[in-house]
Amino acid sequence: MSSITIEASVYNLGDMELAKRIFAIPDTLVVAIGPPACIRILYFRALECGHLSKLKLIPISALDYTFGDYLEKIKGVVAAALQKTCYQGIILYVSCPDLLCQTDFDRMVQELDNPRQIPVEIFKRGPMEKRKTSPSQRLDKIAVKIADFVKTQPLVFSKNEAVCELPRWPQIIREYFLYSPMIRLFVSF
């Protein structure tokens, strides 16, 4: 009989620390893209940090990946966010399936109508991402790009222009329940 020995236990904040940092970037929208199983943790992290208004989830189904037509859906969401004056940066939080499918987010970002030149940065996460630099270092580079952009922008004095709408709670809860198989058994809309 073999035995397992734990030599050291390290407290690792992992994604929670990264989530706190990504949501701490001011005036930034995080657009999480991927299968519901991959992006749902970001919803819980945003909820825990109190920043649900800075998160937009775009769940991609297996059929979307099969047909490869999901870029238009993502492009529409990002284009709508670019029209709002309250965002000074947009972070596309990309998961492993898009890395496997080699989704061309760079080209999509270049094709966007972005008259204010708001930074739209791609933050690739997950075990399939190449680890040339750590996720926190990549996030720091994104934060610096957004901060540099914010420094060049004039101050907005009208609160109506600068305020983004809060998320629609019934819609968020409905989306959560639709993508949670255990809860779907007990709740119907």
C-alpha atoms as a PDB file:
ATOM      1  CA  MET A   1       0.000   0.000   0.000  1.00  0.00           C
ATOM      2  CA  SER A   2       1.358   3.389  -0.995  1.00  0.00           C
ATOM      3  CA  SER A   3       1.029   6.531   1.023  1.00  0.00           C
ATOM      4  CA  ILE A   4       0.780  10.157   0.001  1.00  0.00           C
ATOM      5  CA  THR A   5       2.777  12.724   1.896  1.00  0.00           C
ATOM      6  CA  ILE A   6       2.085  16.414   1.753  1.00  0.00           C
ATOM      7  CA  GLU A   7       5.383  18.195   2.223  1.00  0.00           C
ATOM      8  CA  ALA A   8       4.087  21.738   2.165  1.00  0.00           C
ATOM      9  CA  SER A   9       0.803  23.515   1.988  1.00  0.00           C
ATOM     10  CA  VAL A  10       0.835  26.984   0.476  1.00  0.00           C
ATOM     11  CA  TYR A  11      -2.013  29.438   0.823  1.00  0.00           C
ATOM     12  CA  ASN A  12      -2.723  30.473  -2.739  1.00  0.00           C
ATOM     13  CA  LEU A  13      -5.219  33.222  -3.451  1.00  0.00           C
ATOM     14  CA  GLY A  14      -5.161  32.253  -7.111  1.00  0.00           C
ATOM     15  CA  ASP A  15      -8.000  33.609  -9.176  1.00  0.00           C
ATOM     16  CA  MET A  16      -9.522  35.634  -6.335  1.00  0.00           C
ATOM     17  CA  GLU A  17      -6.471  37.845  -6.096  1.00  0.00           C
ATOM     18  CA  LEU A  18      -6.426  38.191  -9.878  1.00  0.00           C
ATOM     19  CA  ALA A  19     -10.160  38.981  -9.894  1.00  0.00           C
ATOM     20  CA  LYS A  20      -9.680  41.708  -7.302  1.00  0.00           C
ATOM     21  CA  ARG A  21      -6.969  43.229  -9.466  1.00  0.00           C
ATOM     22  CA  ILE A  22      -8.895  43.006 -12.743  1.00  0.00           C
ATOM     23  CA  PHE A  23     -11.994  44.607 -11.226  1.00  0.00           C
ATOM     24  CA  ALA A  24      -9.895  47.276  -9.470  1.00  0.00           C
ATOM     25  CA  ILE A  25      -8.963  48.833 -12.818  1.00  0.00           C
ATOM     26  CA  PRO A  26     -11.206  51.925 -12.879  1.00  0.00           C
ATOM     27  CA  ASP A  27     -13.814  52.552 -15.585  1.00  0.00           C
ATOM     28  CA  THR A  28     -13.153  49.216 -17.245  1.00  0.00           C
ATOM     29  CA  LEU A  29     -15.578  46.588 -18.505  1.00  0.00           C
ATOM     30  CA  VAL A  30     -14.506  42.943 -18.305  1.00  0.00           C
ATOM     31  CA  VAL A  31     -16.109  40.850 -21.049  1.00  0.00           C
ATOM     32  CA  ALA A  32     -15.783  37.173 -20.143  1.00  0.00           C
ATOM     33  CA  ILE A  33     -16.001  34.855 -23.149  1.00  0.00           C
ATOM     34  CA  GLY A  34     -16.264  31.083 -23.108  1.00  0.00           C
ATOM     35  CA  PRO A  35     -18.344  28.121 -22.052  1.00  0.00           C
ATOM     36  CA  PRO A  36     -20.531  28.761 -19.008  1.00  0.00           C
ATOM     37  CA  ALA A  37     -18.481  26.277 -16.961  1.00  0.00           C
ATOM     38  CA  CYS A  38     -15.327  28.326 -17.609  1.00  0.00           C
ATOM     39  CA  ILE A  39     -16.642  31.847 -17.057  1.00  0.00           C
ATOM     40  CA  ARG A  40     -19.104  31.294 -14.220  1.00  0.00           C
ATOM     41  CA  ILE A  41     -16.315  31.528 -11.641  1.00  0.00           C
ATOM     42  CA  LEU A  42     -15.648  35.079 -12.802  1.00  0.00           C
ATOM     43  CA  TYR A  43     -19.295  35.915 -12.056  1.00  0.00           C
ATOM     44  CA  PHE A  44     -18.870  34.673  -8.482  1.00  0.00           C
ATOM     45  CA  ARG A  45     -15.576  36.550  -8.130  1.00  0.00           C
ATOM     46  CA  ALA A  46     -17.210  39.785  -9.359  1.00  0.00           C
ATOM     47  CA  LEU A  47     -20.112  39.219  -6.966  1.00  0.00           C
ATOM     48  CA  GLU A  48     -17.715  38.663  -4.086  1.00  0.00           C
ATOM     49  CA  CYS A  49     -15.732  41.809  -4.998  1.00  0.00           C
ATOM     50  CA  GLY A  50     -18.932  43.839  -5.446  1.00  0.00           C
ATOM     51  CA  HIS A  51     -18.223  44.626  -9.102  1.00  0.00           C
ATOM     52  CA  LEU A  52     -20.952  42.902 -11.090  1.00  0.00           C
ATOM     53  CA  SER A  53     -21.579  46.124 -12.974  1.00  0.00           C
ATOM     54  CA  LYS A  54     -18.053  45.839 -14.443  1.00  0.00           C
ATOM     55  CA  LEU A  55     -18.646  42.338 -15.836  1.00  0.00           C
ATOM     56  CA  LYS A  56     -20.415  41.160 -18.977  1.00  0.00           C
ATOM     57  CA  LEU A  57     -20.639  37.410 -19.525  1.00  0.00           C
ATOM     58  CA  ILE A  58     -20.864  36.019 -23.046  1.00  0.00           C
ATOM     59  CA  PRO A  59     -21.512  32.293 -22.709  1.00  0.00           C
ATOM     60  CA  ILE A  60     -20.532  30.376 -25.830  1.00  0.00           C
ATOM     61  CA  SER A  61     -22.293  27.065 -26.399  1.00  0.00           C
ATOM     62  CA  ALA A  62     -20.843  23.929 -27.943  1.00  0.00           C
ATOM     63  CA  LEU A  63     -22.876  24.634 -31.073  1.00  0.00           C
ATOM     64  CA  ASP A  64     -21.435  28.138 -31.300  1.00  0.00           C
ATOM     65  CA  TYR A  65     -17.941  26.672 -31.176  1.00  0.00           C
ATOM     66  CA  THR A  66     -18.892  24.010 -33.719  1.00  0.00           C
ATOM     67  CA  PHE A  67     -20.284  26.483 -36.240  1.00  0.00           C
ATOM     68  CA  GLY A  68     -17.700  29.152 -35.440  1.00  0.00           C
ATOM     69  CA  ASP A  69     -20.164  32.040 -35.754  1.00  0.00           C
ATOM     70  CA  TYR A  70     -19.856  33.394 -32.226  1.00  0.00           C
ATOM     71  CA  LEU A  71     -17.435  36.235 -33.058  1.00  0.00           C
ATOM     72  CA  GLU A  72     -20.334  38.356 -34.354  1.00  0.00           C
ATOM     73  CA  LYS A  73     -22.103  38.010 -31.006  1.00  0.00           C
ATOM     74  CA  ILE A  74     -18.948  39.093 -29.168  1.00  0.00           C
ATOM     75  CA  LYS A  75     -18.304  41.906 -31.613  1.00  0.00           C
ATOM     76  CA  GLY A  76     -21.833  43.258 -31.050  1.00  0.00           C
ATOM     77  CA  VAL A  77     -21.417  43.323 -27.273  1.00  0.00           C
ATOM     78  CA  VAL A  78     -18.022  45.022 -27.449  1.00  0.00           C
ATOM     79  CA  ALA A  79     -19.242  47.522 -30.067  1.00  0.00           C
ATOM     80  CA  ALA A  80     -22.180  48.461 -27.812  1.00  0.00           C
ATOM     81  CA  ALA A  81     -19.811  48.941 -24.859  1.00  0.00           C
ATOM     82  CA  LEU A  82     -17.539  51.165 -26.950  1.00  0.00           C
ATOM     83  CA  GLN A  83     -20.463  53.528 -27.548  1.00  0.00           C
ATOM     84  CA  LYS A  84     -20.845  54.200 -23.813  1.00  0.00           C
ATOM     85  CA  THR A  85     -18.782  57.086 -22.526  1.00  0.00           C
ATOM     86  CA  CYS A  86     -18.285  55.612 -19.071  1.00  0.00           C
ATOM     87  CA  TYR A  87     -15.828  52.912 -20.173  1.00  0.00           C
ATOM     88  CA  GLN A  88     -12.199  53.896 -20.509  1.00  0.00           C
ATOM     89  CA  GLY A  89     -11.085  50.351 -21.288  1.00  0.00           C
ATOM     90  CA  ILE A  90     -12.453  46.938 -22.185  1.00  0.00           C
ATOM     91  CA  ILE A  91     -10.788  43.661 -21.251  1.00  0.00           C
ATOM     92  CA  LEU A  92     -11.727  40.534 -23.182  1.00  0.00           C
ATOM     93  CA  TYR A  93     -11.278  37.687 -20.689  1.00  0.00           C
ATOM     94  CA  VAL A  94     -10.671  34.685 -22.955  1.00  0.00           C
ATOM     95  CA  SER A  95     -10.699  31.040 -21.835  1.00  0.00           C
ATOM     96  CA  CYS A  96      -9.119  27.802 -23.103  1.00  0.00           C
ATOM     97  CA  PRO A  97     -11.673  26.769 -25.774  1.00  0.00           C
ATOM     98  CA  ASP A  98     -10.936  29.957 -27.698  1.00  0.00           C
ATOM     99  CA  LEU A  99      -7.233  29.231 -27.436  1.00  0.00           C
ATOM    100  CA  LEU A 100      -7.834  25.734 -28.817  1.00  0.00           C
ATOM    101  CA  CYS A 101     -10.046  27.057 -31.622  1.00  0.00           C
ATOM    102  CA  GLN A 102      -7.470  29.798 -32.303  1.00  0.00           C
ATOM    103  CA  THR A 103     -10.174  32.456 -32.357  1.00  0.00           C
ATOM    104  CA  ASP A 104      -8.789  35.607 -33.950  1.00  0.00           C
ATOM    105  CA  PHE A 105      -9.746  38.240 -31.377  1.00  0.00           C
ATOM    106  CA  ASP A 106      -6.960  40.555 -32.560  1.00  0.00           C
ATOM    107  CA  ARG A 107      -8.571  40.927 -35.982  1.00  0.00           C
ATOM    108  CA  MET A 108     -12.014  41.387 -34.429  1.00  0.00           C
ATOM    109  CA  VAL A 109     -10.670  44.204 -32.210  1.00  0.00           C
ATOM    110  CA  GLN A 110      -9.045  45.898 -35.214  1.00  0.00           C
ATOM    111  CA  GLU A 111     -12.333  45.785 -37.158  1.00  0.00           C
ATOM    112  CA  LEU A 112     -14.338  47.452 -34.367  1.00  0.00           C
ATOM    113  CA  ASP A 113     -15.646  50.978 -34.827  1.00  0.00           C
ATOM    114  CA  ASN A 114     -13.737  52.675 -32.022  1.00  0.00           C
ATOM    115  CA  PRO A 115     -13.726  56.465 -32.653  1.00  0.00           C
ATOM    116  CA  ARG A 116     -12.468  57.327 -29.135  1.00  0.00           C
ATOM    117  CA  GLN A 117      -9.656  54.738 -29.441  1.00  0.00           C
ATOM    118  CA  ILE A 118     -10.618  53.075 -26.157  1.00  0.00           C
ATOM    119  CA  PRO A 119      -8.142  50.292 -25.365  1.00  0.00           C
ATOM    120  CA  VAL A 120      -9.651  46.856 -25.984  1.00  0.00           C
ATOM    121  CA  GLU A 121      -7.212  44.356 -24.516  1.00  0.00           C
ATOM    122  CA  ILE A 122      -7.247  40.563 -24.675  1.00  0.00           C
ATOM    123  CA  PHE A 123      -6.493  38.747 -21.419  1.00  0.00           C
ATOM    124  CA  LYS A 124      -6.005  35.032 -22.072  1.00  0.00           C
ATOM    125  CA  ARG A 125      -6.465  32.746 -19.085  1.00  0.00           C
ATOM    126  CA  GLY A 126      -6.467  29.085 -18.247  1.00  0.00           C
ATOM    127  CA  PRO A 127      -4.108  26.135 -18.387  1.00  0.00           C
ATOM    128  CA  MET A 128      -3.847  26.225 -22.192  1.00  0.00           C
ATOM    129  CA  GLU A 129      -2.339  29.723 -22.219  1.00  0.00           C
ATOM    130  CA  LYS A 130       1.397  29.928 -22.867  1.00  0.00           C
ATOM    131  CA  ARG A 131       3.202  30.875 -19.685  1.00  0.00           C
ATOM    132  CA  LYS A 132       5.934  33.160 -20.979  1.00  0.00           C
ATOM    133  CA  THR A 133       4.773  35.750 -18.454  1.00  0.00           C
ATOM    134  CA  SER A 134       2.590  35.301 -15.403  1.00  0.00           C
ATOM    135  CA  PRO A 135      -1.103  36.276 -15.547  1.00  0.00           C
ATOM    136  CA  SER A 136      -0.502  39.051 -13.020  1.00  0.00           C
ATOM    137  CA  GLN A 137       2.286  40.536 -15.177  1.00  0.00           C
ATOM    138  CA  ARG A 138       0.045  40.423 -18.257  1.00  0.00           C
ATOM    139  CA  LEU A 139      -2.755  42.066 -16.282  1.00  0.00           C
ATOM    140  CA  ASP A 140      -0.346  44.766 -15.089  1.00  0.00           C
ATOM    141  CA  LYS A 141       0.549  45.585 -18.709  1.00  0.00           C
ATOM    142  CA  ILE A 142      -3.150  45.883 -19.579  1.00  0.00           C
ATOM    143  CA  ALA A 143      -3.783  48.116 -16.540  1.00  0.00           C
ATOM    144  CA  VAL A 144      -0.901  50.396 -17.557  1.00  0.00           C
ATOM    145  CA  LYS A 145      -2.258  50.718 -21.125  1.00  0.00           C
ATOM    146  CA  ILE A 146      -5.684  51.666 -19.811  1.00  0.00           C
ATOM    147  CA  ALA A 147      -4.219  54.094 -17.251  1.00  0.00           C
ATOM    148  CA  ASP A 148      -2.149  55.763 -19.990  1.00  0.00           C
ATOM    149  CA  PHE A 149      -5.304  56.163 -22.088  1.00  0.00           C
ATOM    150  CA  VAL A 150      -7.251  57.643 -19.161  1.00  0.00           C
ATOM    151  CA  LYS A 151      -4.510  60.258 -18.603  1.00  0.00           C
ATOM    152  CA  THR A 152      -5.038  61.572 -22.132  1.00  0.00           C
ATOM    153  CA  GLN A 153      -8.828  61.956 -21.780  1.00  0.00           C
ATOM    154  CA  PRO A 154     -10.583  65.162 -20.705  1.00  0.00           C
ATOM    155  CA  LEU A 155     -12.604  65.105 -17.516  1.00  0.00           C
ATOM    156  CA  VAL A 156     -16.338  64.547 -17.951  1.00  0.00           C
ATOM    157  CA  PHE A 157     -18.411  66.885 -15.798  1.00  0.00           C
ATOM    158  CA  SER A 158     -21.884  65.682 -16.725  1.00  0.00           C
ATOM    159  CA  LYS A 159     -22.781  62.709 -14.569  1.00  0.00           C
ATOM    160  CA  ASN A 160     -25.366  61.552 -17.094  1.00  0.00           C
ATOM    161  CA  GLU A 161     -22.670  60.958 -19.701  1.00  0.00           C
ATOM    162  CA  ALA A 162     -20.346  59.145 -17.334  1.00  0.00           C
ATOM    163  CA  VAL A 163     -22.797  56.763 -15.686  1.00  0.00           C
ATOM    164  CA  CYS A 164     -23.225  53.269 -17.060  1.00  0.00           C
ATOM    165  CA  GLU A 165     -26.352  51.314 -16.439  1.00  0.00           C
ATOM    166  CA  LEU A 166     -26.327  48.754 -13.686  1.00  0.00           C
ATOM    167  CA  PRO A 167     -26.867  45.139 -14.677  1.00  0.00           C
ATOM    168  CA  ARG A 168     -30.424  43.915 -14.826  1.00  0.00           C
ATOM    169  CA  TRP A 169     -30.586  41.569 -11.836  1.00  0.00           C
ATOM    170  CA  PRO A 170     -33.492  39.430 -13.043  1.00  0.00           C
ATOM    171  CA  GLN A 171     -31.656  38.863 -16.341  1.00  0.00           C
ATOM    172  CA  ILE A 172     -28.380  37.979 -14.586  1.00  0.00           C
ATOM    173  CA  ILE A 173     -30.133  35.587 -12.232  1.00  0.00           C
ATOM    174  CA  ARG A 174     -32.072  34.028 -15.119  1.00  0.00           C
ATOM    175  CA  GLU A 175     -28.836  33.534 -17.119  1.00  0.00           C
ATOM    176  CA  TYR A 176     -27.169  31.972 -14.092  1.00  0.00           C
ATOM    177  CA  PHE A 177     -30.035  29.564 -13.582  1.00  0.00           C
ATOM    178  CA  LEU A 178     -30.116  28.659 -17.274  1.00  0.00           C
ATOM    179  CA  TYR A 179     -26.461  27.660 -17.195  1.00  0.00           C
ATOM    180  CA  SER A 180     -26.517  25.864 -13.878  1.00  0.00           C
ATOM    181  CA  PRO A 181     -27.840  22.327 -14.530  1.00  0.00           C
ATOM    182  CA  MET A 182     -28.503  21.459 -10.883  1.00  0.00           C
ATOM    183  CA  ILE A 183     -30.600  24.557 -10.257  1.00  0.00           C
ATOM    184  CA  ARG A 184     -32.361  24.293 -13.620  1.00  0.00           C
ATOM    185  CA  LEU A 185     -34.084  21.151 -12.350  1.00  0.00           C
ATOM    186  CA  PHE A 186     -35.836  23.108  -9.620  1.00  0.00           C
ATOM    187  CA  VAL A 187     -36.527  26.489 -11.197  1.00  0.00           C
ATOM    188  CA  SER A 188     -38.486  27.369 -14.296  1.00  0.00           C
ATOM    189  CA  PHE A 189     -39.066  30.784 -15.827  1.00  0.00           C
END
